[in-house]
N, C-alpha and C. Protein backbone atom coordinates (compact mmCIF):
# COMPACT_ATOMS: atom_id res chain seq x y z
N MET A 1 0.84 -1.20 0.00
CA MET A 1 0.00 0.00 0.00
C MET A 1 0.88 1.25 0.00
N LYS A 2 0.57 2.17 -0.89
CA LYS A 2 1.35 3.40 -1.00
C LYS A 2 1.04 4.33 0.17
N PRO A 3 2.03 5.10 0.60
CA PRO A 3 1.80 6.01 1.73
C PRO A 3 0.93 7.20 1.33
N ILE A 4 0.28 7.78 2.32
CA ILE A 4 -0.36 9.08 2.16
C ILE A 4 0.73 10.13 2.37
N VAL A 5 0.87 11.04 1.43
CA VAL A 5 1.91 12.08 1.51
C VAL A 5 1.24 13.42 1.78
N ALA A 6 1.70 14.09 2.83
CA ALA A 6 1.09 15.34 3.26
C ALA A 6 2.15 16.43 3.42
N PRO A 7 2.43 17.20 2.37
CA PRO A 7 3.40 18.29 2.49
C PRO A 7 2.96 19.29 3.57
N SER A 8 3.92 19.72 4.37
CA SER A 8 3.62 20.66 5.45
C SER A 8 3.74 22.09 4.94
N ILE A 9 2.62 22.77 4.89
CA ILE A 9 2.57 24.12 4.32
C ILE A 9 3.37 25.12 5.15
N LEU A 10 3.71 24.76 6.38
CA LEU A 10 4.51 25.64 7.24
C LEU A 10 5.86 25.95 6.62
N ALA A 11 6.37 25.02 5.80
CA ALA A 11 7.68 25.20 5.16
C ALA A 11 7.59 25.93 3.82
N ALA A 12 6.38 26.28 3.41
CA ALA A 12 6.19 26.94 2.11
C ALA A 12 6.57 28.42 2.18
N ASP A 13 6.63 29.04 1.02
CA ASP A 13 6.86 30.48 0.91
C ASP A 13 5.52 31.18 1.07
N PHE A 14 5.29 31.80 2.22
CA PHE A 14 3.99 32.41 2.50
C PHE A 14 3.74 33.67 1.67
N ALA A 15 4.76 34.22 1.07
CA ALA A 15 4.57 35.36 0.17
C ALA A 15 4.01 34.91 -1.18
N ASN A 16 4.08 33.59 -1.42
CA ASN A 16 3.56 33.02 -2.67
C ASN A 16 2.69 31.80 -2.35
N LEU A 17 1.80 31.97 -1.39
CA LEU A 17 1.04 30.83 -0.88
C LEU A 17 0.16 30.19 -1.95
N GLU A 18 -0.49 31.01 -2.77
CA GLU A 18 -1.35 30.44 -3.81
C GLU A 18 -0.53 29.58 -4.78
N LYS A 19 0.66 30.05 -5.13
CA LYS A 19 1.54 29.30 -6.03
C LYS A 19 1.97 27.98 -5.40
N GLU A 20 2.31 28.03 -4.11
CA GLU A 20 2.76 26.82 -3.41
C GLU A 20 1.62 25.80 -3.33
N ILE A 21 0.41 26.25 -3.06
CA ILE A 21 -0.74 25.34 -2.99
C ILE A 21 -1.05 24.77 -4.36
N SER A 22 -0.90 25.58 -5.40
CA SER A 22 -1.11 25.10 -6.77
C SER A 22 -0.13 23.98 -7.09
N MET A 23 1.11 24.12 -6.62
CA MET A 23 2.10 23.06 -6.82
C MET A 23 1.62 21.76 -6.16
N ILE A 24 1.12 21.86 -4.94
CA ILE A 24 0.62 20.67 -4.24
C ILE A 24 -0.57 20.07 -5.00
N ASN A 25 -1.46 20.93 -5.49
CA ASN A 25 -2.62 20.46 -6.26
C ASN A 25 -2.20 19.66 -7.47
N GLU A 26 -1.12 20.09 -8.12
CA GLU A 26 -0.65 19.44 -9.35
C GLU A 26 0.22 18.22 -9.07
N SER A 27 0.59 18.02 -7.83
CA SER A 27 1.49 16.92 -7.44
C SER A 27 0.69 15.68 -7.06
N GLN A 28 1.41 14.64 -6.68
CA GLN A 28 0.78 13.40 -6.23
C GLN A 28 0.49 13.41 -4.72
N ALA A 29 0.64 14.55 -4.09
CA ALA A 29 0.34 14.66 -2.66
C ALA A 29 -1.13 14.32 -2.40
N ASP A 30 -1.40 13.79 -1.21
CA ASP A 30 -2.76 13.41 -0.85
C ASP A 30 -3.45 14.46 0.01
N TRP A 31 -2.71 15.02 0.96
CA TRP A 31 -3.25 16.00 1.90
C TRP A 31 -2.34 17.22 1.94
N VAL A 32 -2.84 18.30 2.51
CA VAL A 32 -2.01 19.44 2.90
C VAL A 32 -1.97 19.46 4.42
N HIS A 33 -0.77 19.35 4.97
CA HIS A 33 -0.61 19.35 6.43
C HIS A 33 -0.45 20.79 6.92
N VAL A 34 -1.27 21.19 7.89
CA VAL A 34 -1.28 22.56 8.38
C VAL A 34 -0.99 22.58 9.87
N ASP A 35 0.16 23.13 10.24
CA ASP A 35 0.57 23.20 11.65
C ASP A 35 0.12 24.52 12.26
N VAL A 36 -0.72 24.43 13.28
CA VAL A 36 -1.21 25.61 13.98
C VAL A 36 -0.56 25.65 15.37
N MET A 37 0.22 26.69 15.64
CA MET A 37 0.95 26.84 16.90
C MET A 37 0.53 28.12 17.61
N ASP A 38 0.40 28.03 18.93
CA ASP A 38 -0.14 29.17 19.68
C ASP A 38 0.87 29.94 20.53
N GLY A 39 2.13 29.50 20.54
CA GLY A 39 3.11 30.19 21.36
C GLY A 39 2.98 29.89 22.85
N VAL A 40 2.06 29.00 23.20
CA VAL A 40 1.84 28.60 24.60
C VAL A 40 2.16 27.12 24.76
N PHE A 41 1.45 26.28 24.02
CA PHE A 41 1.74 24.84 24.05
C PHE A 41 3.10 24.54 23.47
N VAL A 42 3.47 25.30 22.43
CA VAL A 42 4.79 25.18 21.81
C VAL A 42 5.41 26.58 21.74
N PRO A 43 6.74 26.67 21.70
CA PRO A 43 7.41 27.97 21.75
C PRO A 43 7.48 28.68 20.40
N ASN A 44 6.36 28.75 19.72
CA ASN A 44 6.33 29.43 18.42
C ASN A 44 4.88 29.74 18.08
N ILE A 45 4.66 30.69 17.19
CA ILE A 45 3.33 31.01 16.68
C ILE A 45 3.39 30.85 15.16
N SER A 46 2.42 30.17 14.59
CA SER A 46 2.47 29.94 13.14
C SER A 46 1.35 30.66 12.42
N MET A 47 0.15 30.12 12.47
CA MET A 47 -0.96 30.67 11.69
C MET A 47 -2.26 30.42 12.42
N GLY A 48 -3.30 31.15 12.01
CA GLY A 48 -4.60 31.00 12.62
C GLY A 48 -5.68 30.69 11.61
N ILE A 49 -6.90 30.91 12.01
CA ILE A 49 -8.06 30.54 11.20
C ILE A 49 -8.10 31.25 9.85
N PRO A 50 -7.81 32.57 9.74
CA PRO A 50 -7.85 33.22 8.42
C PRO A 50 -6.90 32.60 7.40
N VAL A 51 -5.73 32.17 7.85
CA VAL A 51 -4.77 31.54 6.93
C VAL A 51 -5.28 30.17 6.49
N VAL A 52 -5.86 29.42 7.42
CA VAL A 52 -6.43 28.12 7.06
C VAL A 52 -7.56 28.30 6.04
N GLU A 53 -8.38 29.31 6.24
CA GLU A 53 -9.44 29.62 5.28
C GLU A 53 -8.86 29.93 3.89
N ALA A 54 -7.76 30.67 3.86
CA ALA A 54 -7.11 31.02 2.59
C ALA A 54 -6.54 29.77 1.91
N ILE A 55 -5.92 28.90 2.69
CA ILE A 55 -5.38 27.65 2.13
C ILE A 55 -6.51 26.82 1.53
N LYS A 56 -7.61 26.73 2.27
CA LYS A 56 -8.75 25.93 1.81
C LYS A 56 -9.33 26.48 0.51
N ARG A 57 -9.30 27.80 0.35
CA ARG A 57 -9.84 28.42 -0.86
C ARG A 57 -9.14 27.92 -2.12
N TYR A 58 -7.84 27.67 -2.01
CA TYR A 58 -7.06 27.29 -3.18
C TYR A 58 -6.78 25.79 -3.27
N SER A 59 -6.85 25.10 -2.14
CA SER A 59 -6.43 23.69 -2.12
C SER A 59 -7.51 22.77 -2.68
N LYS A 60 -7.06 21.85 -3.52
CA LYS A 60 -7.92 20.78 -4.01
C LYS A 60 -7.72 19.50 -3.20
N LYS A 61 -6.80 19.55 -2.27
CA LYS A 61 -6.50 18.40 -1.41
C LYS A 61 -7.07 18.64 -0.01
N PRO A 62 -7.43 17.57 0.70
CA PRO A 62 -7.95 17.72 2.06
C PRO A 62 -6.92 18.38 2.99
N LEU A 63 -7.41 19.19 3.92
CA LEU A 63 -6.54 19.84 4.89
C LEU A 63 -6.44 18.99 6.15
N ASP A 64 -5.22 18.66 6.50
CA ASP A 64 -4.87 17.89 7.69
C ASP A 64 -4.33 18.88 8.71
N VAL A 65 -5.19 19.34 9.63
CA VAL A 65 -4.84 20.43 10.53
C VAL A 65 -4.38 19.88 11.88
N HIS A 66 -3.16 20.24 12.24
CA HIS A 66 -2.49 19.76 13.46
C HIS A 66 -2.48 20.90 14.46
N LEU A 67 -3.31 20.80 15.49
CA LEU A 67 -3.45 21.87 16.48
C LEU A 67 -2.45 21.68 17.62
N MET A 68 -1.40 22.46 17.59
CA MET A 68 -0.42 22.48 18.68
C MET A 68 -0.77 23.66 19.59
N ILE A 69 -1.93 23.52 20.25
CA ILE A 69 -2.48 24.63 21.03
C ILE A 69 -3.09 24.11 22.33
N VAL A 70 -3.16 24.97 23.32
CA VAL A 70 -3.86 24.63 24.55
C VAL A 70 -5.36 24.85 24.34
N ARG A 71 -6.17 24.20 25.13
CA ARG A 71 -7.63 24.29 25.07
C ARG A 71 -8.16 24.17 23.62
N PRO A 72 -7.78 23.10 22.93
CA PRO A 72 -8.20 22.96 21.52
C PRO A 72 -9.71 22.90 21.34
N GLU A 73 -10.41 22.43 22.38
CA GLU A 73 -11.87 22.31 22.26
C GLU A 73 -12.55 23.65 21.98
N GLN A 74 -11.89 24.75 22.33
CA GLN A 74 -12.46 26.07 22.09
C GLN A 74 -12.36 26.50 20.62
N PHE A 75 -11.50 25.82 19.85
CA PHE A 75 -11.22 26.27 18.49
C PHE A 75 -11.51 25.23 17.41
N VAL A 76 -11.79 24.01 17.82
CA VAL A 76 -12.00 22.93 16.85
C VAL A 76 -13.11 23.26 15.86
N GLU A 77 -14.22 23.76 16.35
CA GLU A 77 -15.35 24.06 15.46
C GLU A 77 -14.97 25.13 14.43
N ALA A 78 -14.24 26.13 14.86
CA ALA A 78 -13.82 27.21 13.95
C ALA A 78 -12.88 26.67 12.87
N PHE A 79 -11.96 25.78 13.24
CA PHE A 79 -11.05 25.22 12.24
C PHE A 79 -11.79 24.28 11.29
N ARG A 80 -12.78 23.59 11.81
CA ARG A 80 -13.60 22.75 10.93
C ARG A 80 -14.33 23.61 9.91
N LYS A 81 -14.92 24.71 10.36
CA LYS A 81 -15.61 25.63 9.44
C LYS A 81 -14.64 26.27 8.45
N ALA A 82 -13.39 26.43 8.87
CA ALA A 82 -12.37 27.01 7.99
C ALA A 82 -11.93 26.05 6.90
N GLY A 83 -12.27 24.76 7.05
CA GLY A 83 -11.96 23.81 6.00
C GLY A 83 -11.18 22.58 6.40
N ALA A 84 -10.89 22.41 7.68
CA ALA A 84 -10.14 21.23 8.13
C ALA A 84 -10.96 19.96 7.95
N GLU A 85 -10.36 18.95 7.36
CA GLU A 85 -11.04 17.67 7.18
C GLU A 85 -10.48 16.59 8.11
N VAL A 86 -9.25 16.79 8.52
CA VAL A 86 -8.64 15.97 9.58
C VAL A 86 -8.16 16.97 10.63
N ILE A 87 -8.52 16.73 11.89
CA ILE A 87 -8.11 17.63 12.97
C ILE A 87 -7.43 16.80 14.05
N SER A 88 -6.18 17.15 14.34
CA SER A 88 -5.43 16.45 15.39
C SER A 88 -5.19 17.37 16.57
N VAL A 89 -5.46 16.84 17.76
CA VAL A 89 -5.18 17.55 19.00
C VAL A 89 -4.11 16.78 19.76
N HIS A 90 -3.38 17.48 20.61
CA HIS A 90 -2.31 16.82 21.36
C HIS A 90 -2.82 16.20 22.65
N VAL A 91 -2.45 14.95 22.87
CA VAL A 91 -2.84 14.28 24.11
C VAL A 91 -2.36 15.08 25.32
N GLU A 92 -1.21 15.72 25.21
CA GLU A 92 -0.64 16.48 26.33
C GLU A 92 -1.43 17.75 26.63
N ALA A 93 -2.25 18.20 25.67
CA ALA A 93 -3.01 19.45 25.84
C ALA A 93 -4.47 19.20 26.21
N CYS A 94 -4.86 17.93 26.29
CA CYS A 94 -6.27 17.60 26.51
C CYS A 94 -6.49 16.94 27.87
N ASP A 95 -7.26 17.60 28.71
CA ASP A 95 -7.62 17.01 30.01
C ASP A 95 -8.68 15.93 29.84
N HIS A 96 -9.49 16.05 28.79
CA HIS A 96 -10.58 15.11 28.55
C HIS A 96 -10.50 14.65 27.09
N LEU A 97 -9.52 13.80 26.81
CA LEU A 97 -9.21 13.43 25.43
C LEU A 97 -10.39 12.76 24.73
N HIS A 98 -11.08 11.87 25.42
CA HIS A 98 -12.21 11.18 24.80
C HIS A 98 -13.25 12.20 24.34
N ARG A 99 -13.52 13.20 25.16
CA ARG A 99 -14.48 14.24 24.81
C ARG A 99 -14.00 15.05 23.61
N ASN A 100 -12.69 15.33 23.56
CA ASN A 100 -12.13 16.06 22.42
C ASN A 100 -12.31 15.29 21.12
N ILE A 101 -12.06 13.99 21.18
CA ILE A 101 -12.20 13.13 20.00
C ILE A 101 -13.65 13.13 19.52
N GLN A 102 -14.57 12.97 20.47
CA GLN A 102 -15.99 12.93 20.11
C GLN A 102 -16.45 14.27 19.52
N GLN A 103 -15.90 15.36 20.04
CA GLN A 103 -16.24 16.69 19.51
C GLN A 103 -15.85 16.80 18.04
N ILE A 104 -14.64 16.36 17.71
CA ILE A 104 -14.15 16.43 16.32
C ILE A 104 -15.03 15.58 15.41
N LYS A 105 -15.34 14.37 15.86
CA LYS A 105 -16.16 13.47 15.04
C LYS A 105 -17.57 14.03 14.83
N ALA A 106 -18.13 14.65 15.87
CA ALA A 106 -19.48 15.22 15.77
C ALA A 106 -19.54 16.34 14.74
N LEU A 107 -18.41 16.97 14.48
CA LEU A 107 -18.33 18.05 13.49
C LEU A 107 -18.12 17.52 12.07
N GLY A 108 -17.99 16.20 11.95
CA GLY A 108 -17.85 15.59 10.64
C GLY A 108 -16.43 15.49 10.13
N ALA A 109 -15.45 15.72 11.00
CA ALA A 109 -14.03 15.61 10.61
C ALA A 109 -13.45 14.30 11.13
N LYS A 110 -12.34 13.90 10.56
CA LYS A 110 -11.61 12.75 11.09
C LYS A 110 -10.82 13.22 12.32
N ALA A 111 -10.85 12.39 13.36
CA ALA A 111 -10.23 12.77 14.63
C ALA A 111 -8.82 12.21 14.75
N GLY A 112 -7.86 13.11 14.91
CA GLY A 112 -6.48 12.72 15.11
C GLY A 112 -6.01 13.08 16.50
N VAL A 113 -5.05 12.31 17.00
CA VAL A 113 -4.40 12.61 18.28
C VAL A 113 -2.90 12.61 18.04
N ALA A 114 -2.25 13.70 18.43
CA ALA A 114 -0.79 13.83 18.28
C ALA A 114 -0.11 13.54 19.61
N ILE A 115 1.06 12.92 19.54
CA ILE A 115 1.83 12.64 20.76
C ILE A 115 3.27 13.12 20.58
N ASN A 116 3.78 13.77 21.59
CA ASN A 116 5.15 14.28 21.59
C ASN A 116 6.17 13.16 21.73
N PRO A 117 7.43 13.43 21.41
CA PRO A 117 8.46 12.38 21.48
C PRO A 117 8.57 11.70 22.85
N HIS A 118 8.35 12.44 23.93
CA HIS A 118 8.52 11.86 25.27
C HIS A 118 7.29 11.12 25.75
N THR A 119 6.17 11.24 25.02
CA THR A 119 4.90 10.68 25.49
C THR A 119 4.78 9.21 25.13
N SER A 120 4.36 8.41 26.10
CA SER A 120 4.19 6.97 25.88
C SER A 120 2.94 6.69 25.06
N ILE A 121 3.03 5.70 24.20
CA ILE A 121 1.86 5.32 23.40
C ILE A 121 0.76 4.74 24.28
N GLN A 122 1.08 4.34 25.49
CA GLN A 122 0.07 3.78 26.39
C GLN A 122 -0.98 4.80 26.77
N THR A 123 -0.68 6.09 26.61
CA THR A 123 -1.67 7.12 26.92
C THR A 123 -2.86 7.06 25.97
N LEU A 124 -2.70 6.33 24.86
CA LEU A 124 -3.77 6.22 23.87
C LEU A 124 -4.56 4.92 23.99
N GLU A 125 -4.14 4.07 24.88
CA GLU A 125 -4.69 2.71 24.95
C GLU A 125 -6.21 2.68 25.12
N ASN A 126 -6.76 3.57 25.93
CA ASN A 126 -8.19 3.54 26.23
C ASN A 126 -9.06 4.28 25.22
N VAL A 127 -8.42 4.93 24.23
CA VAL A 127 -9.20 5.64 23.20
C VAL A 127 -8.80 5.24 21.79
N ILE A 128 -7.89 4.29 21.67
CA ILE A 128 -7.33 3.94 20.38
C ILE A 128 -8.39 3.55 19.36
N ASP A 129 -9.46 2.91 19.82
CA ASP A 129 -10.51 2.47 18.91
C ASP A 129 -11.38 3.62 18.40
N GLN A 130 -11.23 4.81 19.00
CA GLN A 130 -12.00 5.98 18.61
C GLN A 130 -11.24 6.91 17.64
N ILE A 131 -9.94 6.66 17.49
CA ILE A 131 -9.07 7.58 16.77
C ILE A 131 -8.94 7.19 15.30
N ASP A 132 -8.97 8.19 14.42
CA ASP A 132 -8.77 7.95 12.99
C ASP A 132 -7.31 8.08 12.58
N LEU A 133 -6.56 8.91 13.30
CA LEU A 133 -5.17 9.22 12.94
C LEU A 133 -4.36 9.47 14.19
N ILE A 134 -3.17 8.89 14.25
CA ILE A 134 -2.24 9.17 15.35
C ILE A 134 -1.02 9.86 14.76
N CYS A 135 -0.81 11.10 15.14
CA CYS A 135 0.30 11.90 14.63
C CYS A 135 1.48 11.75 15.59
N VAL A 136 2.48 11.00 15.18
CA VAL A 136 3.67 10.77 16.00
C VAL A 136 4.69 11.85 15.70
N MET A 137 4.99 12.66 16.70
CA MET A 137 5.99 13.71 16.53
C MET A 137 7.38 13.08 16.57
N SER A 138 8.11 13.20 15.48
CA SER A 138 9.46 12.65 15.40
C SER A 138 10.52 13.73 15.59
N VAL A 139 10.05 14.92 15.98
CA VAL A 139 10.89 16.02 16.47
C VAL A 139 10.10 16.66 17.61
N ASN A 140 10.74 17.53 18.37
CA ASN A 140 10.00 18.26 19.39
C ASN A 140 9.20 19.36 18.70
N PRO A 141 7.90 19.44 18.98
CA PRO A 141 7.04 20.35 18.23
C PRO A 141 7.36 21.82 18.49
N GLY A 142 7.14 22.63 17.47
CA GLY A 142 7.32 24.07 17.63
C GLY A 142 8.13 24.73 16.55
N PHE A 143 9.02 23.96 15.90
CA PHE A 143 9.86 24.54 14.86
C PHE A 143 10.07 23.54 13.72
N GLY A 144 10.14 24.03 12.50
CA GLY A 144 10.45 23.18 11.36
C GLY A 144 11.95 22.98 11.24
N GLY A 145 12.33 22.00 10.45
CA GLY A 145 13.74 21.79 10.13
C GLY A 145 14.57 21.11 11.20
N GLN A 146 13.93 20.49 12.20
CA GLN A 146 14.69 19.82 13.25
C GLN A 146 15.18 18.43 12.81
N LYS A 147 16.16 17.92 13.55
CA LYS A 147 16.70 16.60 13.26
C LYS A 147 15.76 15.51 13.74
N PHE A 148 15.57 14.51 12.92
CA PHE A 148 14.71 13.38 13.21
C PHE A 148 15.19 12.62 14.45
N ILE A 149 14.26 12.23 15.33
CA ILE A 149 14.58 11.47 16.54
C ILE A 149 14.53 9.98 16.22
N GLU A 150 15.67 9.31 16.37
CA GLU A 150 15.80 7.92 15.92
C GLU A 150 14.91 6.94 16.68
N GLY A 151 14.54 7.26 17.91
CA GLY A 151 13.68 6.37 18.68
C GLY A 151 12.27 6.26 18.12
N THR A 152 11.97 7.02 17.10
CA THR A 152 10.62 7.01 16.51
C THR A 152 10.27 5.66 15.92
N TYR A 153 11.24 4.95 15.34
CA TYR A 153 10.94 3.66 14.70
C TYR A 153 10.34 2.68 15.70
N LYS A 154 10.96 2.58 16.87
CA LYS A 154 10.48 1.66 17.90
C LYS A 154 9.08 2.06 18.36
N LYS A 155 8.85 3.35 18.44
CA LYS A 155 7.55 3.86 18.86
C LYS A 155 6.47 3.47 17.85
N ILE A 156 6.78 3.59 16.57
CA ILE A 156 5.83 3.22 15.52
C ILE A 156 5.49 1.73 15.62
N GLU A 157 6.51 0.91 15.81
CA GLU A 157 6.29 -0.54 15.89
C GLU A 157 5.36 -0.88 17.05
N GLY A 158 5.59 -0.24 18.20
CA GLY A 158 4.73 -0.48 19.36
C GLY A 158 3.31 0.00 19.11
N LEU A 159 3.20 1.12 18.45
CA LEU A 159 1.89 1.70 18.16
C LEU A 159 1.12 0.82 17.17
N LYS A 160 1.83 0.27 16.20
CA LYS A 160 1.19 -0.61 15.23
C LYS A 160 0.59 -1.84 15.92
N LYS A 161 1.32 -2.40 16.87
CA LYS A 161 0.83 -3.56 17.63
C LYS A 161 -0.40 -3.19 18.44
N LEU A 162 -0.36 -2.01 19.06
CA LEU A 162 -1.48 -1.53 19.86
C LEU A 162 -2.73 -1.37 18.99
N ILE A 163 -2.56 -0.83 17.80
CA ILE A 163 -3.67 -0.65 16.86
C ILE A 163 -4.24 -2.00 16.45
N GLN A 164 -3.37 -2.93 16.09
CA GLN A 164 -3.81 -4.24 15.63
C GLN A 164 -4.51 -5.02 16.74
N ASN A 165 -3.97 -4.96 17.94
CA ASN A 165 -4.54 -5.70 19.07
C ASN A 165 -5.90 -5.16 19.49
N SER A 166 -6.13 -3.88 19.24
CA SER A 166 -7.39 -3.25 19.66
C SER A 166 -8.46 -3.29 18.58
N GLY A 167 -8.05 -3.64 17.35
CA GLY A 167 -8.99 -3.63 16.25
C GLY A 167 -9.23 -2.24 15.68
N SER A 168 -8.42 -1.29 16.09
CA SER A 168 -8.54 0.09 15.61
C SER A 168 -8.13 0.16 14.13
N LYS A 169 -8.68 1.16 13.44
CA LYS A 169 -8.31 1.40 12.05
C LYS A 169 -7.50 2.69 11.91
N ALA A 170 -6.94 3.14 13.01
CA ALA A 170 -6.19 4.40 13.01
C ALA A 170 -4.97 4.32 12.09
N LEU A 171 -4.73 5.40 11.38
CA LEU A 171 -3.52 5.54 10.57
C LEU A 171 -2.43 6.16 11.42
N ILE A 172 -1.18 5.80 11.14
CA ILE A 172 -0.03 6.37 11.85
C ILE A 172 0.62 7.40 10.94
N GLU A 173 0.68 8.63 11.44
CA GLU A 173 1.27 9.74 10.69
C GLU A 173 2.58 10.15 11.36
N ILE A 174 3.60 10.42 10.57
CA ILE A 174 4.89 10.85 11.10
C ILE A 174 5.13 12.30 10.72
N ASP A 175 5.40 13.11 11.74
CA ASP A 175 5.55 14.55 11.54
C ASP A 175 6.88 15.02 12.12
N GLY A 176 7.83 15.36 11.22
CA GLY A 176 9.09 15.91 11.68
C GLY A 176 10.31 15.20 11.13
N GLY A 177 11.10 15.89 10.32
CA GLY A 177 12.37 15.35 9.86
C GLY A 177 12.27 14.23 8.85
N VAL A 178 11.13 14.06 8.20
CA VAL A 178 11.00 13.02 7.18
C VAL A 178 11.81 13.41 5.95
N ASN A 179 12.62 12.47 5.45
CA ASN A 179 13.44 12.74 4.27
C ASN A 179 13.72 11.45 3.50
N GLN A 180 14.57 11.54 2.48
CA GLN A 180 14.84 10.38 1.63
C GLN A 180 15.58 9.27 2.38
N ASP A 181 16.25 9.61 3.47
CA ASP A 181 17.02 8.60 4.20
C ASP A 181 16.15 7.76 5.14
N ASN A 182 15.04 8.33 5.63
CA ASN A 182 14.27 7.59 6.63
C ASN A 182 12.85 7.23 6.20
N ALA A 183 12.38 7.77 5.08
CA ALA A 183 10.98 7.57 4.69
C ALA A 183 10.62 6.09 4.55
N GLN A 184 11.44 5.32 3.84
CA GLN A 184 11.13 3.90 3.65
C GLN A 184 11.21 3.14 4.98
N LEU A 185 12.16 3.50 5.82
CA LEU A 185 12.29 2.86 7.13
C LEU A 185 11.06 3.12 7.99
N LEU A 186 10.51 4.32 7.89
CA LEU A 186 9.29 4.67 8.64
C LEU A 186 8.12 3.82 8.16
N LEU A 187 8.01 3.66 6.85
CA LEU A 187 6.93 2.84 6.31
C LEU A 187 7.11 1.37 6.70
N ASN A 188 8.34 0.90 6.69
CA ASN A 188 8.63 -0.48 7.10
C ASN A 188 8.24 -0.72 8.55
N ALA A 189 8.39 0.30 9.37
CA ALA A 189 8.05 0.18 10.80
C ALA A 189 6.55 0.20 11.03
N GLY A 190 5.78 0.73 10.05
CA GLY A 190 4.33 0.71 10.19
C GLY A 190 3.64 2.03 9.93
N ALA A 191 4.37 3.05 9.50
CA ALA A 191 3.75 4.34 9.24
C ALA A 191 2.87 4.29 7.99
N ASP A 192 1.83 5.13 7.99
CA ASP A 192 0.90 5.20 6.86
C ASP A 192 0.93 6.57 6.17
N VAL A 193 1.23 7.62 6.94
CA VAL A 193 1.17 8.99 6.44
C VAL A 193 2.51 9.68 6.70
N LEU A 194 3.08 10.28 5.67
CA LEU A 194 4.35 10.98 5.80
C LEU A 194 4.13 12.48 5.63
N VAL A 195 4.45 13.23 6.67
CA VAL A 195 4.42 14.69 6.60
C VAL A 195 5.83 15.15 6.24
N ALA A 196 5.95 15.96 5.21
CA ALA A 196 7.28 16.45 4.80
C ALA A 196 7.20 17.95 4.53
N GLY A 197 8.07 18.70 5.20
CA GLY A 197 8.07 20.14 5.05
C GLY A 197 9.27 20.64 4.29
N ASN A 198 10.37 20.87 5.00
CA ASN A 198 11.58 21.37 4.36
C ASN A 198 12.08 20.45 3.25
N PHE A 199 11.93 19.15 3.44
CA PHE A 199 12.37 18.19 2.45
C PHE A 199 11.71 18.44 1.10
N VAL A 200 10.44 18.83 1.13
CA VAL A 200 9.70 19.13 -0.10
C VAL A 200 9.99 20.55 -0.60
N PHE A 201 9.76 21.53 0.26
CA PHE A 201 9.75 22.92 -0.20
C PHE A 201 11.13 23.53 -0.41
N SER A 202 12.17 22.94 0.18
CA SER A 202 13.51 23.48 -0.05
C SER A 202 14.21 22.80 -1.22
N SER A 203 13.53 21.86 -1.84
CA SER A 203 14.15 21.16 -2.97
C SER A 203 13.97 21.97 -4.26
N GLY A 204 14.76 21.63 -5.25
CA GLY A 204 14.66 22.31 -6.53
C GLY A 204 13.42 21.90 -7.31
N ASN A 205 12.90 20.70 -7.00
CA ASN A 205 11.74 20.18 -7.72
C ASN A 205 10.79 19.52 -6.71
N PRO A 206 9.95 20.31 -6.01
CA PRO A 206 9.07 19.76 -4.97
C PRO A 206 8.15 18.65 -5.47
N LYS A 207 7.62 18.79 -6.69
CA LYS A 207 6.70 17.76 -7.20
C LYS A 207 7.41 16.42 -7.38
N GLU A 208 8.66 16.49 -7.78
CA GLU A 208 9.43 15.25 -7.94
C GLU A 208 9.70 14.60 -6.59
N VAL A 209 9.99 15.41 -5.57
CA VAL A 209 10.22 14.88 -4.22
C VAL A 209 8.95 14.21 -3.71
N ILE A 210 7.81 14.84 -3.91
CA ILE A 210 6.53 14.26 -3.50
C ILE A 210 6.29 12.94 -4.23
N GLN A 211 6.60 12.91 -5.52
CA GLN A 211 6.43 11.69 -6.31
C GLN A 211 7.32 10.57 -5.77
N ARG A 212 8.54 10.90 -5.37
CA ARG A 212 9.45 9.88 -4.82
C ARG A 212 8.88 9.30 -3.52
N LEU A 213 8.36 10.18 -2.67
CA LEU A 213 7.75 9.70 -1.42
C LEU A 213 6.54 8.81 -1.72
N LYS A 214 5.74 9.25 -2.68
CA LYS A 214 4.53 8.51 -3.02
C LYS A 214 4.84 7.14 -3.62
N SER A 215 5.99 6.99 -4.24
CA SER A 215 6.34 5.72 -4.89
C SER A 215 6.85 4.67 -3.92
N LEU A 216 7.09 5.08 -2.67
CA LEU A 216 7.57 4.14 -1.67
C LEU A 216 6.42 3.23 -1.19
N GLY A 217 6.79 2.22 -0.43
CA GLY A 217 5.75 1.36 0.10
C GLY A 217 6.19 -0.08 0.16
């Protein structure tokens, strides 16, 4: 099975956002990954609802919105209205994760849960059957261009077993440091979705890079 490829728009040239989205539309990418940071949960601020609305206006691909924010329940509905089709919240930011998941599903979006590098996959054990997507952070969240954390492979393998044992249909998404050296290894470990930012947008031929990722499996 071929991977789902989700270029991270955070690494795009925001002065030419329409052009960058057009490139994704013309490529073999499946989703557009949108990182929303609040400067509280993570030490950076990225974009808000108006930018997501602008991306949705031009994108022909589903928006995979990753909320790196505190109190996500206050903003999920607004991001859904802005065009998010997959919404991921961080387990570390949710006091009532099951309720957060149900809120996303009630809005008609796919419910994702993101986990930081230090977070155990066991935190998902009691809700795994409710989740559509698990976003595994393979760098510390907050900044693009970080070095990939090698312990991610073992984490994916454990998560795959947890999914299979529970009967869940959740997809495993990898966010952070994905490149030509580790993409196939991530898929071999059990990943389903590859988020790629700098690897795509800093290349001379982004569409070709996306095609290379898409051809793996």
